Amino acid sequence: MNYILEAKSVIRNEIEGILEVESKLDHTFEKLISCISKSAGRVVMCGMGKSGHIAKKIFATLVSTGTPSMYMHPAEAYHGDLGMIKEEDIFFAISNSGETSEVTQLLPFIKNNGNTLISMTGNPASTLASVSDFHLDIGVKKEACPLNLAPTTSTTVSLVLGDAIAISLMKARSFKEENFAKYHPGGSLGRKLLMTVQDCMLTGTFVKSNDSFIDVISTMSTSKTGVVLVGDTNNLQGVITDGDIRKYLTRYDISSYKTAEASDLMTTSPKTISPNTKCSDADNKMRDEGVNSLIVKQGNQVLGIYDNLNRK
């Protein structure tokens, strides 16, 4: 058995399934997005088995990108959880067959409660599809499973279509980086987008311009940033990085370090940034300028150093 060829066959099968579902998209999708974006309620995702796992993932993507949503297990729904559904909520059910009993038994309540019903099924003639306000066809010719039994390609296309819905809703709501950060304050991206340079900067370590090479090395070894500032907080004359030291040693005879002073090593025009700049903008500036650190200044006063190392 050539497992690499087998893996490639699975991947090709699932790609073909995605393309097949893509070709079926029509104006129903646009109307569905418009309905959700204008709704005052939540999107209640529901599914059983593998479809339930996909429903949970779509729910998680929706809430993290600004669409109020929740997941409801169909069996738990039938035994009391339906009480959590409000009239303004949109019920979104996933069932490849469209005949999953745990899901179809909820349909009378959904209709009587006045909820909009969206479904994903592989059978447009199924019970679930036929009573839905909006139906998305996720039918595929063949599962990646060699027995054509285990949900594989069908779950993949369901997941991809869920992503398409979430991203379309982001566009409909003009969802921006700041919004994403609001819902992800604990993640590294959220911190980077919400926090400013002042929140992340480290205290700078200073030397005098006539300090010796050895003094500079000694001070740099105690610095958390690997950068030494020359001057003082109100009179920055330059900065010294480990790169500046390497350049000096390759440019001059190795013995010259005995007489070298900080002023011989420093870069006199360091890149600076204001303390209220967002960390994301500071990172972009470092990338554009080709540097690993920025001197944080407020007017002429040095407040600290922002670099690539002090990420939380």
Protein backbone atom coordinates (compact mmCIF):
# COMPACT_ATOMS: atom_id res chain seq x y z
CA MET A 1 0.00 0.00 0.00
CA ASN A 2 1.38 3.39 -1.04
CA TYR A 3 0.00 5.61 1.67
CA ILE A 4 1.20 8.82 0.04
CA LEU A 5 -0.83 8.04 -3.07
CA GLU A 6 -3.77 7.13 -0.84
CA ALA A 7 -3.50 10.46 0.99
CA LYS A 8 -3.33 12.36 -2.30
CA SER A 9 -6.40 10.49 -3.52
CA VAL A 10 -8.32 11.54 -0.41
CA ILE A 11 -7.26 15.15 -0.82
CA ARG A 12 -8.23 15.18 -4.50
CA ASN A 13 -11.59 13.66 -3.65
CA GLU A 14 -12.30 16.34 -1.09
CA ILE A 15 -11.14 19.14 -3.41
CA GLU A 16 -13.50 17.81 -6.07
CA GLY A 17 -16.28 17.76 -3.50
CA ILE A 18 -15.64 21.39 -2.59
CA LEU A 19 -15.67 22.41 -6.25
CA GLU A 20 -18.90 20.47 -6.76
CA VAL A 21 -20.60 22.33 -3.92
CA GLU A 22 -19.17 25.64 -5.10
CA SER A 23 -20.84 25.13 -8.48
CA LYS A 24 -24.23 24.75 -6.75
CA LEU A 25 -24.15 28.13 -5.02
CA ASP A 26 -26.85 30.50 -6.24
CA HIS A 27 -28.85 33.51 -5.06
CA THR A 28 -30.09 31.49 -2.09
CA PHE A 29 -26.70 32.03 -0.50
CA GLU A 30 -26.94 35.81 -0.93
CA LYS A 31 -30.44 35.85 0.56
CA LEU A 32 -29.24 33.69 3.47
CA ILE A 33 -26.40 36.10 4.27
CA SER A 34 -28.75 39.07 4.07
CA CYS A 35 -31.20 37.34 6.41
CA ILE A 36 -28.57 36.56 9.05
CA SER A 37 -26.88 39.97 8.86
CA LYS A 38 -30.21 41.77 9.42
CA SER A 39 -31.37 39.45 12.21
CA ALA A 40 -31.59 40.66 15.80
CA GLY A 41 -31.30 37.11 17.05
CA ARG A 42 -28.67 34.40 17.22
CA VAL A 43 -27.75 31.66 14.79
CA VAL A 44 -28.54 28.40 16.59
CA MET A 45 -26.34 25.68 15.08
CA CYS A 46 -27.57 22.11 15.35
CA GLY A 47 -26.43 18.72 14.12
CA MET A 48 -26.05 15.12 15.20
CA GLY A 49 -22.89 13.01 15.16
CA LYS A 50 -20.22 14.24 12.73
CA SER A 51 -22.60 16.96 11.54
CA GLY A 52 -22.80 18.09 15.15
CA HIS A 53 -19.03 18.50 15.31
CA ILE A 54 -19.13 20.59 12.15
CA ALA A 55 -22.00 22.65 13.58
CA LYS A 56 -19.93 23.34 16.70
CA LYS A 57 -16.99 24.55 14.62
CA ILE A 58 -19.20 26.83 12.52
CA PHE A 59 -20.75 28.20 15.71
CA ALA A 60 -17.29 28.92 17.11
CA THR A 61 -16.24 30.70 13.92
CA LEU A 62 -19.43 32.76 13.81
CA VAL A 63 -19.18 34.04 17.38
CA SER A 64 -15.49 34.90 17.02
CA THR A 65 -16.19 36.92 13.89
CA GLY A 66 -19.08 38.97 15.22
CA THR A 67 -22.19 36.88 14.52
CA PRO A 68 -24.14 35.99 17.70
CA SER A 69 -24.47 32.22 17.72
CA MET A 70 -24.85 29.14 19.92
CA TYR A 71 -24.72 25.37 19.50
CA MET A 72 -27.64 23.16 20.49
CA HIS A 73 -27.46 19.37 20.62
CA PRO A 74 -30.65 18.05 18.97
CA ALA A 75 -31.30 15.40 21.62
CA GLU A 76 -30.87 17.91 24.45
CA ALA A 77 -33.06 20.34 22.51
CA TYR A 78 -35.89 17.80 22.40
CA HIS A 79 -35.64 17.36 26.16
CA GLY A 80 -35.89 20.97 27.27
CA ASP A 81 -33.19 23.07 25.61
CA LEU A 82 -35.65 24.32 22.99
CA GLY A 83 -36.75 26.73 25.69
CA MET A 84 -33.58 28.72 25.03
CA ILE A 85 -34.61 29.54 21.47
CA LYS A 86 -36.15 32.97 21.00
CA GLU A 87 -38.49 33.90 18.17
CA GLU A 88 -35.88 36.13 16.55
CA ASP A 89 -33.26 33.36 16.45
CA ILE A 90 -32.31 31.59 13.24
CA PHE A 91 -32.17 27.80 13.47
CA PHE A 92 -29.38 26.29 11.34
CA ALA A 93 -29.47 22.49 11.02
CA ILE A 94 -26.89 20.25 9.35
CA SER A 95 -27.77 16.71 8.25
CA ASN A 96 -26.21 14.99 5.25
CA SER A 97 -29.27 12.80 4.73
CA GLY A 98 -31.74 15.48 5.71
CA GLU A 99 -33.64 12.76 7.57
CA THR A 100 -31.76 12.58 10.89
CA SER A 101 -34.56 11.79 13.34
CA GLU A 102 -33.06 13.78 16.22
CA VAL A 103 -33.13 16.85 13.98
CA THR A 104 -36.40 16.35 12.10
CA GLN A 105 -38.33 15.86 15.34
CA LEU A 106 -37.51 19.50 16.17
CA LEU A 107 -39.08 20.89 13.00
CA PRO A 108 -42.65 21.33 14.32
CA PHE A 109 -41.39 23.45 17.20
CA ILE A 110 -39.13 25.54 14.92
CA LYS A 111 -42.02 26.29 12.59
CA ASN A 112 -44.53 26.95 15.38
CA ASN A 113 -42.05 29.23 17.11
CA GLY A 114 -41.70 31.32 13.96
CA ASN A 115 -37.94 30.78 13.57
CA THR A 116 -36.23 31.08 10.21
CA LEU A 117 -34.84 27.67 9.28
CA ILE A 118 -31.57 27.20 7.38
CA SER A 119 -30.32 23.75 6.49
CA MET A 120 -27.35 22.04 4.91
CA THR A 121 -28.15 18.62 3.49
CA GLY A 122 -26.92 16.34 0.74
CA ASN A 123 -30.49 15.72 -0.41
CA PRO A 124 -32.57 18.71 -1.60
CA ALA A 125 -35.68 16.48 -1.59
CA SER A 126 -35.26 15.48 2.07
CA THR A 127 -37.66 16.32 4.87
CA LEU A 128 -35.31 18.89 6.37
CA ALA A 129 -34.50 20.58 3.07
CA SER A 130 -38.14 20.74 1.95
CA VAL A 131 -39.33 22.72 4.98
CA SER A 132 -36.33 25.06 5.21
CA ASP A 133 -36.50 28.75 4.38
CA PHE A 134 -32.97 28.49 2.99
CA HIS A 135 -31.30 25.26 1.90
CA LEU A 136 -27.66 24.70 0.93
CA ASP A 137 -26.90 21.57 -1.05
CA ILE A 138 -23.78 19.80 0.29
CA GLY A 139 -24.29 16.65 -1.73
CA VAL A 140 -21.13 15.04 -3.11
CA LYS A 141 -20.71 12.20 -5.60
CA LYS A 142 -18.48 10.15 -3.32
CA GLU A 143 -17.04 10.21 0.17
CA ALA A 144 -13.26 9.90 0.54
CA CYS A 145 -13.95 6.79 2.62
CA PRO A 146 -13.20 3.72 0.43
CA LEU A 147 -16.49 2.18 1.61
CA ASN A 148 -18.32 5.42 0.79
CA LEU A 149 -19.76 5.29 4.29
CA ALA A 150 -17.77 7.38 6.78
CA PRO A 151 -18.60 11.12 6.53
CA THR A 152 -15.41 12.59 5.09
CA THR A 153 -15.83 14.68 1.95
CA SER A 154 -19.37 15.64 2.99
CA THR A 155 -18.17 16.99 6.35
CA THR A 156 -15.32 18.84 4.66
CA VAL A 157 -17.63 20.66 2.27
CA SER A 158 -19.97 21.48 5.17
CA LEU A 159 -17.07 23.02 7.05
CA VAL A 160 -15.92 25.00 4.01
CA LEU A 161 -19.42 26.29 3.38
CA GLY A 162 -19.66 27.31 7.03
CA ASP A 163 -16.46 29.29 6.63
CA ALA A 164 -17.90 30.92 3.51
CA ILE A 165 -20.94 32.00 5.50
CA ALA A 166 -18.86 33.38 8.38
CA ILE A 167 -16.52 35.33 6.08
CA SER A 168 -19.41 36.69 4.03
CA LEU A 169 -21.04 37.91 7.24
CA MET A 170 -17.77 39.56 8.25
CA LYS A 171 -17.85 41.48 4.97
CA ALA A 172 -21.53 42.32 5.43
CA ARG A 173 -20.79 43.78 8.87
CA SER A 174 -17.51 45.46 7.86
CA PHE A 175 -15.81 43.41 10.58
CA LYS A 176 -12.28 44.75 11.14
CA GLU A 177 -9.11 43.79 13.01
CA GLU A 178 -10.21 45.82 16.01
CA ASN A 179 -13.44 43.86 16.21
CA PHE A 180 -11.56 40.56 15.99
CA ALA A 181 -9.24 41.66 18.78
CA LYS A 182 -12.23 42.57 20.94
CA TYR A 183 -13.44 38.98 20.82
CA HIS A 184 -9.92 37.53 21.25
CA PRO A 185 -8.35 39.61 24.05
CA GLY A 186 -6.52 36.61 25.47
CA GLY A 187 -4.79 35.60 22.26
CA SER A 188 -1.50 36.94 20.93
CA LEU A 189 -3.25 38.55 17.98
CA GLY A 190 -5.79 40.22 20.24
CA ARG A 191 -3.10 41.59 22.51
CA LYS A 192 -1.13 42.88 19.54
CA LEU A 193 -4.14 44.64 18.07
CA LEU A 194 -5.45 46.06 21.35
CA MET A 195 -2.26 46.91 23.20
CA THR A 196 -0.05 49.91 22.56
CA VAL A 197 3.70 50.22 22.55
CA GLN A 198 3.57 51.70 26.05
CA ASP A 199 1.96 48.48 27.31
CA CYS A 200 4.80 46.31 25.95
CA MET A 201 7.96 48.43 26.03
CA LEU A 202 10.93 47.70 28.28
CA THR A 203 13.08 50.13 30.20
CA GLY A 204 16.16 51.27 28.32
CA THR A 205 19.69 50.94 29.67
CA PHE A 206 22.00 53.94 29.20
CA VAL A 207 25.75 54.44 28.83
CA LYS A 208 27.73 57.63 28.35
CA SER A 209 29.24 58.47 24.99
CA ASN A 210 32.78 58.14 26.37
CA ASP A 211 32.19 54.82 28.11
CA SER A 212 34.62 52.13 27.03
CA PHE A 213 33.94 49.16 24.78
CA ILE A 214 34.13 46.87 27.81
CA ASP A 215 31.62 49.03 29.70
CA VAL A 216 29.23 48.86 26.75
CA ILE A 217 29.50 45.06 26.54
CA SER A 218 29.01 44.74 30.29
CA THR A 219 25.91 46.98 30.23
CA MET A 220 24.48 45.22 27.19
CA SER A 221 24.80 41.83 28.89
CA THR A 222 22.45 43.03 31.65
CA SER A 223 19.94 44.59 29.26
CA LYS A 224 16.71 42.67 28.59
CA THR A 225 16.53 44.12 25.09
CA GLY A 226 20.06 43.61 23.80
CA VAL A 227 20.16 47.35 23.05
CA VAL A 228 22.16 50.03 24.83
CA LEU A 229 21.16 53.69 24.69
CA VAL A 230 23.82 56.37 24.58
CA GLY A 231 23.13 59.60 26.52
CA ASP A 232 20.23 59.99 28.90
CA THR A 233 16.42 60.10 28.86
CA ASN A 234 16.34 63.75 27.72
CA ASN A 235 19.31 63.63 25.36
CA LEU A 236 19.51 60.50 23.25
CA GLN A 237 22.73 60.56 21.25
CA GLY A 238 22.49 57.11 19.70
CA VAL A 239 21.91 53.40 20.23
CA ILE A 240 24.17 50.37 20.18
CA THR A 241 22.96 46.93 19.18
CA ASP A 242 24.86 43.67 18.99
CA GLY A 243 24.84 44.22 15.24
CA ASP A 244 26.65 47.55 15.68
CA ILE A 245 29.33 45.79 17.73
CA ARG A 246 29.81 43.10 15.09
CA LYS A 247 30.08 45.71 12.37
CA TYR A 248 32.70 47.62 14.34
CA LEU A 249 34.81 44.52 14.97
CA THR A 250 34.73 43.49 11.31
CA ARG A 251 35.56 47.00 10.14
CA TYR A 252 38.56 47.64 12.39
CA ASP A 253 41.47 45.68 13.80
CA ILE A 254 40.39 43.48 16.67
CA SER A 255 42.76 45.26 19.05
CA SER A 256 40.99 48.60 18.47
CA TYR A 257 38.31 47.66 20.99
CA LYS A 258 40.79 48.57 23.74
CA THR A 259 40.44 52.26 22.89
CA ALA A 260 36.93 52.27 21.43
CA GLU A 261 34.21 54.28 23.14
CA ALA A 262 30.42 54.13 22.96
CA SER A 263 30.37 57.03 20.48
CA ASP A 264 32.47 54.94 18.08
CA LEU A 265 29.95 52.08 18.14
CA MET A 266 26.58 53.80 18.17
CA THR A 267 24.05 54.45 15.44
CA THR A 268 23.21 58.13 15.64
CA SER A 269 19.77 58.08 13.99
CA PRO A 270 17.80 55.24 15.57
CA LYS A 271 14.22 54.48 14.53
CA THR A 272 11.69 55.82 17.02
CA ILE A 273 8.01 55.42 17.77
CA SER A 274 5.45 57.10 20.03
CA PRO A 275 4.13 55.27 23.12
CA ASN A 276 0.46 55.34 22.05
CA THR A 277 1.11 53.49 18.79
CA LYS A 278 -0.62 50.11 18.49
CA CYS A 279 1.71 47.15 18.76
CA SER A 280 0.50 45.88 15.39
CA ASP A 281 1.56 49.15 13.74
CA ALA A 282 4.90 49.06 15.56
CA ASP A 283 5.51 45.51 14.30
CA ASN A 284 4.74 46.65 10.75
CA LYS A 285 7.16 49.56 11.10
CA MET A 286 9.96 47.28 12.32
CA ARG A 287 9.36 44.97 9.38
CA ASP A 288 9.31 47.86 6.88
CA GLU A 289 12.40 49.49 8.36
CA GLY A 290 14.29 46.20 8.68
CA VAL A 291 15.05 46.68 12.39
CA ASN A 292 14.48 44.56 15.49
CA SER A 293 13.77 47.37 17.94
CA LEU A 294 12.33 50.87 18.15
CA ILE A 295 13.12 53.61 20.65
CA VAL A 296 9.94 54.80 22.35
CA LYS A 297 9.95 58.59 22.63
CA GLN A 298 7.48 61.22 23.79
CA GLY A 299 8.80 64.47 22.38
CA ASN A 300 12.52 64.47 23.23
CA GLN A 301 12.14 62.12 26.19
CA VAL A 302 13.11 58.45 25.90
CA LEU A 303 10.52 56.23 27.58
CA GLY A 304 11.79 52.77 26.68
CA ILE A 305 12.47 50.22 23.97
CA TYR A 306 10.00 48.17 21.92
CA ASP A 307 11.50 45.08 20.28
CA ASN A 308 10.74 41.70 18.79
CA LEU A 309 11.64 39.85 21.98
CA ASN A 310 9.22 41.30 24.49
CA ARG A 311 6.07 39.53 23.23
CA LYS A 312 3.65 38.09 25.76
